[in-house]
Amino acid sequence: MIELYPAIDLRDGKVVRLRRGDYADQTTYGDDPVATAVAFADAGAPWIHVVDLDAARSGSPVNREVVAAITAAVAGRARVQTGGGVRTIDDATALADAGVARVVMGSAAVAEPALVDRIAQIVPVAVGLDHREGEIAVHGWTAGSGVRLDDALGWFPAASAFVITDIGRDGMLTGPDVDGLALAAARTTVPVIASGGVSSLADLTALAAVAGIAGVITGKAVYEGRFTVAEALRALESASCR
């Protein structure tokens, strides 16, 4: 069954969402990310996807204590996958020591693919392939890398997953790029976690039908009341039985 990853994006210790990765276009949804994570775990979420937006842009892990508090609060019920500013072996080790089950590497992975191999010996690594019209973006989505998504799919044999985000859809509630995600999933044997644009239970069902997609991240749709985590889990379970 495709797994659900409700998302908590952290900025200045608060739960926020950006539109298309724009730091100037932010909506704040709460000031207690630990309580948000506990609510997701209470609803049955198997994973919680946490992004340190401050660290993604600056490299400074200002929200790491919050991440550690989240992992402690949901331990034994939900696993935590976290990204944002994971650029060194020390970063990954600190997060693993805090109880994180999987780290997400984006900018550093694209700059030095071999680093993923080394970190994967410490903690499972998902490589974040966040793109604008097929070009991978780095440094908190503030810059282009010149690397194409299709090429990057072949660079990371040690990755346990790819988190593929269409930045143009992220936070927009316009629906995911199902066709693009299907093409990407067909080009790799690494499980793909879909991210960006999910707006409805129908979107989840459509993604669940795509071979190679192992998970889906949803954030704004939950915060805006389009569906609950419990409803999303039921929809994915139903889709897996078809």
Foldseek 3Di string as FASTA:
>chain_A
DFAEAEEAEDDPQFGWFAALLDPVRIDTLGNQVLVVLLVLLVLQHQEYEYEDLVCQQVLDPPCLVVLLSNQVSNPPRHAYEYEHNPQALVSLLSNVVSRHQEYEAEANCVVPVVRQVVSLVVHAYEYEQEDEVQFGAGNSNPGTDRDGLLVVQPRHPRHQEYEYEHSNQAPPLQAFPLVVVLVSQVSHQRAYEYEGNNAALVSLLSNLPRPRHRYYYDYVNCSVPRDHSNVNVVSSVVSVVD
